[in-house]
Amino acid sequence: MMYSEDDEYTVHVKAQVMTRDDSSGGWVPLGGGGVSVVGVRQDQARPAYSIYGRRMTDCSVSSSRLVVFLT
């Protein structure tokens, strides 16, 4: 999936993308850190949301997830 500022995301935010580190029991920056633009969009075909993040400094993908809600 490609991300563009023009994509119809429900929300865009600037955020530090974090991941859970089970060895320390805390949260750590994903992929070395850096601020990302993160967008959330509802999937119209099914009960799901896509979450996509692009790091601002080098435009690398920092997060790309599909969250599906089962009914």
Protein backbone atom coordinates (compact mmCIF):
# COMPACT_ATOMS: atom_id res chain seq x y z
CA MET A 1 0.00 0.00 0.00
CA MET A 2 1.34 3.41 -0.91
CA TYR A 3 0.67 6.40 1.32
CA SER A 4 -0.07 9.86 0.08
CA GLU A 5 -1.16 13.01 1.88
CA ASP A 6 -4.06 13.07 -0.61
CA ASP A 7 -5.38 9.63 0.43
CA GLU A 8 -8.72 9.74 2.17
CA TYR A 9 -7.71 8.82 5.68
CA THR A 10 -10.08 9.54 8.56
CA VAL A 11 -7.24 11.14 10.49
CA HIS A 12 -3.55 12.06 10.01
CA VAL A 13 -1.31 12.60 13.03
CA LYS A 14 2.40 13.09 13.65
CA ALA A 15 3.53 10.47 16.14
CA GLN A 16 6.43 8.47 17.49
CA VAL A 17 5.64 4.86 16.48
CA MET A 18 6.36 2.55 19.41
CA THR A 19 6.44 -1.21 19.94
CA ARG A 20 6.20 -3.29 23.11
CA ASP A 21 9.49 -4.72 24.36
CA ASP A 22 8.64 -7.82 26.41
CA SER A 23 12.19 -8.19 27.72
CA SER A 24 12.10 -4.82 29.50
CA GLY A 25 8.34 -4.64 29.98
CA GLY A 26 8.15 -1.22 28.34
CA TRP A 27 7.71 0.59 25.06
CA VAL A 28 10.56 1.39 22.64
CA PRO A 29 10.69 3.39 19.39
CA LEU A 30 10.07 1.19 16.34
CA GLY A 31 12.86 0.99 13.78
CA GLY A 32 15.22 3.40 15.48
CA GLY A 33 12.65 6.11 16.17
CA GLY A 34 11.79 9.35 14.48
CA VAL A 35 8.48 11.14 13.97
CA SER A 36 6.06 9.58 11.49
CA VAL A 37 2.89 10.75 9.77
CA VAL A 38 0.30 8.11 10.68
CA GLY A 39 -3.05 7.76 8.92
CA VAL A 40 -6.11 5.72 9.88
CA ARG A 41 -8.72 4.76 7.28
CA GLN A 42 -11.87 2.65 7.56
CA ASP A 43 -12.19 -0.16 5.04
CA GLN A 44 -15.55 0.18 3.30
CA ALA A 45 -15.71 -3.48 2.22
CA ARG A 46 -15.41 -5.06 5.69
CA PRO A 47 -15.36 -4.12 9.37
CA ALA A 48 -11.68 -3.15 9.43
CA TYR A 49 -9.31 -0.19 9.69
CA SER A 50 -5.95 0.28 7.99
CA ILE A 51 -3.19 2.11 9.84
CA TYR A 52 -0.23 3.38 7.85
CA GLY A 53 2.82 5.33 9.01
CA ARG A 54 5.64 6.97 7.03
CA ARG A 55 8.72 8.31 8.80
CA MET A 56 9.18 11.99 8.01
CA THR A 57 12.99 12.04 7.81
CA ASP A 58 13.53 9.32 5.20
CA CYS A 59 9.97 8.44 4.01
CA SER A 60 10.42 4.80 5.05
CA VAL A 61 7.37 2.83 6.16
CA SER A 62 7.24 2.81 9.95
CA SER A 63 3.94 0.96 10.33
CA SER A 64 1.44 -0.76 8.07
CA ARG A 65 -1.36 -2.70 9.72
CA LEU A 66 -4.86 -3.90 9.01
CA VAL A 67 -7.07 -4.23 12.08
CA VAL A 68 -10.13 -6.43 11.50
CA PHE A 69 -13.09 -6.48 13.85
CA LEU A 70 -14.88 -9.81 13.99
CA THR A 71 -18.62 -9.72 14.56
